[in-house]
N, C-alpha and C. Protein backbone atom coordinates (compact mmCIF):
# COMPACT_ATOMS: atom_id res chain seq x y z
N MET A 1 25.60 11.54 20.99
CA MET A 1 25.08 11.44 19.64
C MET A 1 25.44 12.72 18.90
N SER A 2 25.97 12.60 17.68
CA SER A 2 26.34 13.77 16.90
C SER A 2 25.10 14.51 16.42
N SER A 3 25.30 15.77 16.05
CA SER A 3 24.16 16.58 15.63
C SER A 3 23.54 16.05 14.33
N LYS A 4 24.36 15.46 13.45
CA LYS A 4 23.81 14.90 12.21
C LYS A 4 22.91 13.71 12.51
N LYS A 5 23.34 12.86 13.46
CA LYS A 5 22.50 11.73 13.85
C LYS A 5 21.23 12.22 14.52
N LEU A 6 21.36 13.29 15.32
CA LEU A 6 20.20 13.84 16.01
C LEU A 6 19.20 14.37 14.99
N GLU A 7 19.68 15.11 13.97
CA GLU A 7 18.78 15.62 12.94
C GLU A 7 18.10 14.47 12.21
N LYS A 8 18.84 13.42 11.92
CA LYS A 8 18.27 12.26 11.25
C LYS A 8 17.20 11.62 12.12
N LYS A 9 17.48 11.51 13.41
CA LYS A 9 16.50 10.91 14.33
C LYS A 9 15.22 11.73 14.35
N GLN A 10 15.36 13.05 14.37
CA GLN A 10 14.18 13.90 14.44
C GLN A 10 13.37 13.87 13.15
N THR A 11 14.03 13.85 12.01
CA THR A 11 13.28 13.83 10.77
C THR A 11 12.62 12.49 10.52
N ASN A 12 13.21 11.41 11.02
CA ASN A 12 12.62 10.08 10.85
C ASN A 12 11.62 9.76 11.95
N SER A 13 11.49 10.63 12.93
CA SER A 13 10.57 10.44 14.05
C SER A 13 10.77 9.09 14.72
N VAL A 14 11.95 8.86 15.21
CA VAL A 14 12.26 7.61 15.88
C VAL A 14 11.78 7.65 17.34
N TRP A 15 11.32 8.78 17.78
CA TRP A 15 10.81 8.88 19.15
C TRP A 15 9.57 8.01 19.28
N SER A 16 9.40 7.42 20.45
CA SER A 16 8.22 6.60 20.68
C SER A 16 7.71 6.82 22.10
N VAL A 17 6.51 6.35 22.35
CA VAL A 17 5.90 6.48 23.67
C VAL A 17 6.78 5.76 24.70
N GLY A 18 7.04 6.43 25.82
CA GLY A 18 7.88 5.86 26.86
C GLY A 18 9.31 6.37 26.84
N ASP A 19 9.73 7.00 25.73
CA ASP A 19 11.08 7.58 25.66
C ASP A 19 11.16 8.82 26.54
N PHE A 20 12.34 9.07 27.08
CA PHE A 20 12.59 10.29 27.82
C PHE A 20 13.36 11.23 26.90
N ALA A 21 12.88 12.46 26.76
CA ALA A 21 13.49 13.43 25.87
C ALA A 21 13.71 14.75 26.60
N TRP A 22 14.73 15.46 26.19
CA TRP A 22 15.01 16.80 26.70
C TRP A 22 14.50 17.83 25.71
N PHE A 23 13.97 18.94 26.23
CA PHE A 23 13.51 20.04 25.39
C PHE A 23 13.42 21.29 26.26
N VAL A 24 13.31 22.44 25.62
CA VAL A 24 13.15 23.70 26.34
C VAL A 24 11.68 24.09 26.24
N PRO A 25 10.94 24.08 27.37
CA PRO A 25 9.51 24.43 27.32
C PRO A 25 9.30 25.87 26.84
N ASN A 26 8.18 26.11 26.22
CA ASN A 26 7.83 27.43 25.72
C ASN A 26 7.85 28.45 26.85
N GLY A 27 8.54 29.57 26.64
CA GLY A 27 8.61 30.62 27.65
C GLY A 27 9.72 30.42 28.67
N GLU A 28 10.50 29.38 28.55
CA GLU A 28 11.60 29.12 29.48
C GLU A 28 12.91 29.08 28.71
N LYS A 29 14.02 29.09 29.46
CA LYS A 29 15.33 29.08 28.82
C LYS A 29 16.17 27.87 29.19
N ARG A 30 15.71 27.08 30.16
CA ARG A 30 16.47 25.91 30.60
C ARG A 30 15.82 24.62 30.12
N PRO A 31 16.63 23.69 29.63
CA PRO A 31 16.08 22.41 29.19
C PRO A 31 15.49 21.61 30.35
N GLN A 32 14.45 20.87 30.05
CA GLN A 32 13.83 19.98 31.03
C GLN A 32 13.59 18.64 30.37
N GLN A 33 13.44 17.61 31.19
CA GLN A 33 13.24 16.27 30.67
C GLN A 33 11.81 15.82 30.92
N GLY A 34 11.29 15.08 29.96
CA GLY A 34 9.95 14.55 30.11
C GLY A 34 9.81 13.20 29.43
N GLU A 35 8.80 12.46 29.85
CA GLU A 35 8.51 11.15 29.25
C GLU A 35 7.41 11.33 28.21
N ILE A 36 7.65 10.84 27.01
CA ILE A 36 6.67 10.96 25.94
C ILE A 36 5.49 10.03 26.23
N VAL A 37 4.28 10.60 26.21
CA VAL A 37 3.08 9.80 26.46
C VAL A 37 2.20 9.67 25.22
N LYS A 38 2.38 10.58 24.24
CA LYS A 38 1.60 10.48 23.01
C LYS A 38 2.34 11.20 21.88
N LEU A 39 2.30 10.59 20.69
CA LEU A 39 2.91 11.17 19.49
C LEU A 39 1.83 11.68 18.55
N TYR A 40 2.07 12.83 17.95
CA TYR A 40 1.17 13.39 16.93
C TYR A 40 2.01 13.64 15.68
N GLU A 41 2.41 12.56 15.01
CA GLU A 41 3.32 12.66 13.87
C GLU A 41 2.63 13.11 12.59
N ASN A 42 1.36 12.88 12.44
CA ASN A 42 0.67 13.18 11.19
C ASN A 42 -0.03 14.53 11.19
N GLU A 43 0.28 15.37 12.15
CA GLU A 43 -0.31 16.70 12.22
C GLU A 43 0.47 17.67 11.34
N VAL A 44 -0.06 18.87 11.14
CA VAL A 44 0.63 19.89 10.36
C VAL A 44 1.99 20.19 10.98
N ILE A 45 2.03 20.33 12.29
CA ILE A 45 3.28 20.49 13.03
C ILE A 45 3.42 19.28 13.94
N PRO A 46 4.27 18.33 13.56
CA PRO A 46 4.43 17.11 14.38
C PRO A 46 4.89 17.46 15.80
N CYS A 47 4.22 16.88 16.78
CA CYS A 47 4.56 17.17 18.17
C CYS A 47 4.33 15.95 19.05
N VAL A 48 4.68 16.11 20.32
CA VAL A 48 4.50 15.04 21.30
C VAL A 48 3.89 15.63 22.56
N SER A 49 3.25 14.79 23.35
CA SER A 49 2.80 15.15 24.68
C SER A 49 3.74 14.48 25.67
N LEU A 50 4.15 15.23 26.69
CA LEU A 50 5.09 14.70 27.67
C LEU A 50 4.61 14.96 29.09
N ILE A 51 5.06 14.11 30.00
CA ILE A 51 4.89 14.34 31.43
C ILE A 51 6.28 14.70 31.96
N MET A 52 6.40 15.85 32.56
CA MET A 52 7.69 16.33 33.04
C MET A 52 8.19 15.47 34.21
N THR A 53 9.48 15.15 34.21
CA THR A 53 10.03 14.31 35.28
C THR A 53 10.19 15.10 36.57
N LEU A 54 10.41 16.40 36.48
CA LEU A 54 10.66 17.22 37.66
C LEU A 54 9.39 17.48 38.47
N ASP A 55 8.31 17.89 37.79
CA ASP A 55 7.11 18.29 38.52
C ASP A 55 5.83 17.61 38.04
N SER A 56 5.93 16.61 37.17
CA SER A 56 4.80 15.83 36.66
C SER A 56 3.75 16.66 35.93
N LYS A 57 4.16 17.81 35.39
CA LYS A 57 3.23 18.61 34.60
C LYS A 57 3.15 18.04 33.20
N TYR A 58 2.00 18.26 32.56
CA TYR A 58 1.74 17.79 31.21
C TYR A 58 2.14 18.90 30.24
N ARG A 59 2.98 18.59 29.26
CA ARG A 59 3.44 19.58 28.28
C ARG A 59 3.37 19.01 26.88
N THR A 60 3.40 19.89 25.90
CA THR A 60 3.55 19.48 24.51
C THR A 60 4.78 20.16 23.94
N ALA A 61 5.41 19.51 22.97
CA ALA A 61 6.60 20.06 22.33
C ALA A 61 6.66 19.58 20.89
N LYS A 62 7.24 20.41 20.02
CA LYS A 62 7.46 20.00 18.64
C LYS A 62 8.50 18.88 18.62
N ILE A 63 8.31 17.92 17.75
CA ILE A 63 9.26 16.82 17.65
C ILE A 63 10.65 17.33 17.28
N GLU A 64 10.71 18.38 16.48
CA GLU A 64 12.01 18.91 16.06
C GLU A 64 12.80 19.54 17.20
N THR A 65 12.17 19.79 18.34
CA THR A 65 12.88 20.40 19.47
C THR A 65 13.36 19.37 20.49
N LEU A 66 13.08 18.10 20.29
CA LEU A 66 13.47 17.06 21.23
C LEU A 66 14.93 16.67 21.04
N ALA A 67 15.59 16.35 22.16
CA ALA A 67 17.00 15.96 22.11
C ALA A 67 17.26 14.87 23.15
N GLU A 68 18.39 14.18 22.96
CA GLU A 68 18.80 13.10 23.88
C GLU A 68 19.39 13.64 25.18
N THR A 69 20.05 14.82 25.11
CA THR A 69 20.70 15.38 26.30
C THR A 69 20.26 16.83 26.48
N SER A 70 20.49 17.36 27.67
CA SER A 70 20.12 18.75 27.94
C SER A 70 20.96 19.72 27.11
N GLY A 71 22.24 19.39 26.90
CA GLY A 71 23.11 20.24 26.10
C GLY A 71 22.64 20.35 24.66
N GLU A 72 22.23 19.24 24.10
CA GLU A 72 21.72 19.24 22.73
C GLU A 72 20.41 20.03 22.64
N ALA A 73 19.56 19.90 23.65
CA ALA A 73 18.29 20.63 23.67
C ALA A 73 18.54 22.13 23.73
N LYS A 74 19.52 22.54 24.51
CA LYS A 74 19.84 23.96 24.62
C LYS A 74 20.39 24.49 23.30
N LYS A 75 21.22 23.70 22.62
CA LYS A 75 21.75 24.11 21.31
C LYS A 75 20.63 24.25 20.29
N LEU A 76 19.68 23.31 20.29
CA LEU A 76 18.54 23.40 19.38
C LEU A 76 17.72 24.64 19.67
N PHE A 77 17.50 24.94 20.93
CA PHE A 77 16.72 26.11 21.34
C PHE A 77 17.41 27.38 20.87
N GLN A 78 18.71 27.48 21.07
CA GLN A 78 19.44 28.68 20.68
C GLN A 78 19.50 28.86 19.16
N SER A 79 19.55 27.76 18.43
CA SER A 79 19.60 27.85 16.97
C SER A 79 18.26 28.26 16.36
N LYS A 80 17.17 28.04 17.08
CA LYS A 80 15.84 28.38 16.57
C LYS A 80 15.47 29.85 16.82
N GLN A 81 16.23 30.53 17.66
CA GLN A 81 15.89 31.93 17.98
C GLN A 81 16.38 32.88 16.94
């Protein structure tokens, strides 16, 4: 998916419960994958709750940091710093 399509997906909040998304957890540098279990789209900072696929930990992430692939997630993380 191109970065323009990715930006469009994130701004339109096409993510839904049950989707698997890549993101870089707070305080880490490597992307991880998680399954979305709850969406908080109407909050001041739209975010999601995820269950990590690697270790089944519960995490939250901003919707704007979610990506389809680990490479895209890493690029988003680096662009936000």
